[in-house]
Amino acid sequence: MRSNSKVRGFPVAALAYVTPCATSPLLPSRETRASSASRRTCSAEAAFPFRATLLDKSADSNWLVVWHQDTALPLRERHDAPSWGPWSIKDGVNYAHAPASALETVLALRLHLDDSCAHNGPLRVLPGTHTLGVLSDEQLHDLSTKIAPVDCLAPQGGVIAMRPLIVHASSKSQSQQPRRVLHIEYSAASQFGDELQLAVA
């Protein structure tokens, strides 16, 4: 979705979809809404989840993440192909840094199990950068000095959808308030080319 309109105060060009959900993180209705949102934003009824990560930031487990893009995808087997790599293995799963054509099929839904506020290390994005393809470290740094970042604040139960190519970062929490986010990645494609198949990680 590449629009200049805004949803709940955020540019749609930066975040593909934002919606409040029910307050309980375990309600079936939330799963239904999240799946529906991923299919609409991926523009494919076949969109499916392939990776989920719990991001648990607190006073006891605190970190920052510098400006970057999410470019590594899990794959069932290693097959050297143009524009894929470098490769690595994590927990027995093959990973390769993917080209923009593959990453554009992916959408992440961030389910907020706690309020995400300005003081507990929220997601920050550089609006519009998901349209620029895979960027070098030098390009990432250059963009971070030219584009005003947006803090992606959300209430408990809120869902933020983002593209992996959006340039994003996160500061350390300055609060005792926890910030737990369930980051679920969906893809509209299970295979890339003739040999590369997405793995469920």
Protein backbone atom coordinates (compact mmCIF):
# COMPACT_ATOMS: atom_id res chain seq x y z
CA MET A 1 0.00 0.00 0.00
CA ARG A 2 1.66 3.20 -1.13
CA SER A 3 -0.56 6.05 -0.12
CA ASN A 4 0.14 9.41 1.46
CA SER A 5 -2.95 9.14 3.66
CA LYS A 6 -2.69 8.48 7.39
CA VAL A 7 -4.09 5.77 9.65
CA ARG A 8 -4.27 6.49 13.40
CA GLY A 9 -1.67 9.23 12.93
CA PHE A 10 0.91 7.14 11.05
CA PRO A 11 1.76 7.55 7.35
CA VAL A 12 0.50 4.50 5.46
CA ALA A 13 3.67 4.71 3.37
CA ALA A 14 5.60 3.79 6.52
CA LEU A 15 3.21 1.26 8.04
CA ALA A 16 1.05 -0.89 5.84
CA TYR A 17 -1.83 -1.30 8.30
CA VAL A 18 -2.65 -0.28 11.85
CA THR A 19 -5.68 -1.38 13.85
CA PRO A 20 -6.71 -1.75 17.50
CA CYS A 21 -7.65 -5.23 18.62
CA ALA A 22 -9.31 -6.75 21.64
CA THR A 23 -7.41 -6.40 24.92
CA SER A 24 -6.73 -10.09 25.54
CA PRO A 25 -3.70 -11.34 23.58
CA LEU A 26 -5.20 -14.83 23.43
CA LEU A 27 -8.64 -14.07 21.98
CA PRO A 28 -9.36 -16.04 18.76
CA SER A 29 -10.85 -12.89 17.21
CA ARG A 30 -7.43 -11.28 17.27
CA GLU A 31 -5.89 -14.15 15.33
CA THR A 32 -8.70 -13.88 12.80
CA ARG A 33 -8.18 -10.14 12.41
CA ALA A 34 -4.42 -10.51 12.09
CA SER A 35 -4.73 -13.19 9.41
CA SER A 36 -7.26 -11.09 7.53
CA ALA A 37 -5.01 -8.02 7.72
CA SER A 38 -2.02 -9.94 6.38
CA ARG A 39 -4.01 -11.26 3.42
CA ARG A 40 -5.39 -7.84 2.54
CA THR A 41 -2.01 -6.11 2.75
CA CYS A 42 -0.11 -8.89 0.98
CA SER A 43 -2.81 -8.83 -1.72
CA ALA A 44 -2.98 -12.61 -1.74
CA GLU A 45 -5.44 -15.04 -0.20
CA ALA A 46 -2.58 -17.53 0.12
CA ALA A 47 -0.57 -15.41 2.57
CA PHE A 48 0.65 -17.64 5.41
CA PRO A 49 2.71 -17.17 8.60
CA PHE A 50 6.24 -18.58 8.44
CA ARG A 51 8.06 -17.07 11.42
CA ALA A 52 7.11 -15.68 14.84
CA THR A 53 9.35 -13.91 17.35
CA LEU A 54 8.52 -12.69 20.85
CA LEU A 55 10.30 -9.38 21.48
CA ASP A 56 10.38 -9.04 25.26
CA LYS A 57 11.96 -5.72 26.25
CA SER A 58 12.00 -4.80 29.93
CA ALA A 59 14.17 -3.16 32.57
CA ASP A 60 15.94 -6.52 33.08
CA SER A 61 16.23 -7.36 29.36
CA ASN A 62 16.95 -4.15 27.51
CA TRP A 63 18.55 -3.51 24.15
CA LEU A 64 18.73 -1.16 21.20
CA VAL A 65 18.72 -1.91 17.48
CA VAL A 66 20.39 0.40 14.97
CA TRP A 67 18.81 1.40 11.64
CA HIS A 68 18.43 -1.66 9.44
CA GLN A 69 16.17 -3.69 7.15
CA ASP A 70 15.01 -7.28 7.75
CA THR A 71 16.53 -9.03 4.73
CA ALA A 72 17.22 -12.63 5.85
CA LEU A 73 14.66 -15.32 5.04
CA PRO A 74 14.57 -18.94 6.30
CA LEU A 75 14.83 -21.51 3.49
CA ARG A 76 14.37 -25.27 3.45
CA GLU A 77 17.59 -26.01 1.60
CA ARG A 78 20.59 -24.09 0.38
CA HIS A 79 20.71 -23.50 -3.36
CA ASP A 80 23.10 -20.83 -4.56
CA ALA A 81 21.16 -18.37 -6.70
CA PRO A 82 21.82 -14.90 -8.08
CA SER A 83 20.99 -12.06 -5.62
CA TRP A 84 20.64 -14.49 -2.68
CA GLY A 85 23.20 -14.49 0.13
CA PRO A 86 25.31 -14.43 2.14
CA TRP A 87 24.03 -17.62 3.74
CA SER A 88 24.05 -18.72 7.37
CA ILE A 89 22.57 -21.43 9.61
CA LYS A 90 20.66 -20.60 12.80
CA ASP A 91 19.13 -23.30 15.01
CA GLY A 92 19.54 -25.76 12.14
CA VAL A 93 17.68 -23.57 9.63
CA ASN A 94 19.25 -22.15 6.47
CA TYR A 95 19.03 -18.38 6.09
CA ALA A 96 19.93 -16.19 3.14
CA HIS A 97 19.76 -12.46 2.61
CA ALA A 98 17.08 -12.08 -0.02
CA PRO A 99 16.56 -9.72 -2.96
CA ALA A 100 13.88 -7.04 -2.87
CA SER A 101 11.62 -9.08 -5.20
CA ALA A 102 11.29 -11.77 -2.51
CA LEU A 103 11.07 -9.43 0.46
CA GLU A 104 8.23 -7.49 -1.17
CA THR A 105 6.02 -10.59 -0.72
CA VAL A 106 6.50 -10.46 3.07
CA LEU A 107 4.47 -8.58 5.68
CA ALA A 108 5.05 -8.57 9.45
CA LEU A 109 2.23 -8.10 11.94
CA ARG A 110 3.30 -6.81 15.35
CA LEU A 111 0.84 -7.78 18.10
CA HIS A 112 1.37 -5.55 21.15
CA LEU A 113 0.96 -7.47 24.39
CA ASP A 114 1.76 -4.26 26.33
CA ASP A 115 1.40 -0.57 25.58
CA SER A 116 4.19 0.64 23.31
CA CYS A 117 4.94 4.20 24.39
CA ALA A 118 7.65 6.79 23.78
CA HIS A 119 9.64 5.71 26.83
CA ASN A 120 9.81 1.90 26.55
CA GLY A 121 11.78 1.52 23.32
CA PRO A 122 9.12 1.53 20.58
CA LEU A 123 9.66 0.66 16.95
CA ARG A 124 10.95 3.63 14.93
CA VAL A 125 10.76 3.82 11.14
CA LEU A 126 11.94 6.04 8.30
CA PRO A 127 8.73 6.61 6.28
CA GLY A 128 8.71 5.57 2.63
CA THR A 129 12.00 3.67 2.69
CA HIS A 130 10.31 0.33 1.97
CA THR A 131 10.12 1.45 -1.68
CA LEU A 132 13.90 1.82 -2.09
CA GLY A 133 14.93 -1.84 -2.31
CA VAL A 134 17.74 -3.49 -0.33
CA LEU A 135 20.10 -0.79 0.93
CA SER A 136 23.78 -0.76 1.86
CA ASP A 137 25.02 0.26 5.33
CA GLU A 138 26.15 3.56 3.86
CA GLN A 139 22.74 4.21 2.33
CA LEU A 140 21.02 3.33 5.62
CA HIS A 141 23.16 5.83 7.49
CA ASP A 142 22.61 8.50 4.86
CA LEU A 143 18.82 8.08 4.99
CA SER A 144 18.83 8.23 8.80
CA THR A 145 20.33 11.74 8.59
CA LYS A 146 17.83 12.97 5.99
CA ILE A 147 14.44 11.49 6.93
CA ALA A 148 12.63 12.34 10.15
CA PRO A 149 11.86 9.10 12.04
CA VAL A 150 8.39 8.12 13.20
CA ASP A 151 7.82 6.44 16.58
CA CYS A 152 5.26 3.67 16.17
CA LEU A 153 3.22 3.88 19.36
CA ALA A 154 0.40 1.42 19.98
CA PRO A 155 -1.86 0.45 22.88
CA GLN A 156 -1.98 -2.99 24.40
CA GLY A 157 -3.84 -5.15 21.88
CA GLY A 158 -2.89 -2.96 18.93
CA VAL A 159 -1.52 -4.38 15.69
CA ILE A 160 1.02 -2.66 13.47
CA ALA A 161 1.84 -4.12 10.06
CA MET A 162 5.20 -3.36 8.49
CA ARG A 163 7.21 -4.34 5.44
CA PRO A 164 10.66 -5.89 6.08
CA LEU A 165 12.29 -3.36 3.75
CA ILE A 166 11.18 -0.37 5.84
CA VAL A 167 14.28 1.07 7.51
CA HIS A 168 13.66 0.70 11.23
CA ALA A 169 15.34 0.81 14.63
CA SER A 170 14.55 0.67 18.34
CA SER A 171 16.06 2.50 21.32
CA LYS A 172 16.63 1.11 24.79
CA SER A 173 13.71 1.37 27.14
CA GLN A 174 13.85 4.24 29.62
CA SER A 175 10.93 2.86 31.62
CA GLN A 176 10.10 0.09 34.07
CA GLN A 177 7.10 -0.67 31.88
CA PRO A 178 7.57 -3.87 29.82
CA ARG A 179 7.20 -3.83 26.04
CA ARG A 180 6.30 -7.25 24.70
CA VAL A 181 5.56 -7.61 21.01
CA LEU A 182 4.70 -10.79 19.10
CA HIS A 183 6.24 -10.24 15.66
CA ILE A 184 4.60 -12.58 13.10
CA GLU A 185 5.82 -12.66 9.51
CA TYR A 186 3.57 -13.65 6.60
CA SER A 187 4.49 -14.36 3.00
CA ALA A 188 2.41 -14.40 -0.17
CA ALA A 189 4.92 -16.78 -1.79
CA SER A 190 6.28 -20.13 -0.62
CA GLN A 191 8.83 -20.57 -3.42
CA PHE A 192 11.27 -18.25 -5.14
CA GLY A 193 12.54 -19.34 -8.52
CA ASP A 194 12.81 -23.04 -9.27
CA GLU A 195 14.61 -24.25 -6.13
CA LEU A 196 14.35 -21.91 -3.15
CA GLN A 197 11.50 -22.79 -0.79
CA LEU A 198 10.58 -20.78 2.29
CA ALA A 199 10.96 -22.63 5.59
CA VAL A 200 8.74 -22.29 8.65
CA ALA A 201 11.09 -21.08 11.38
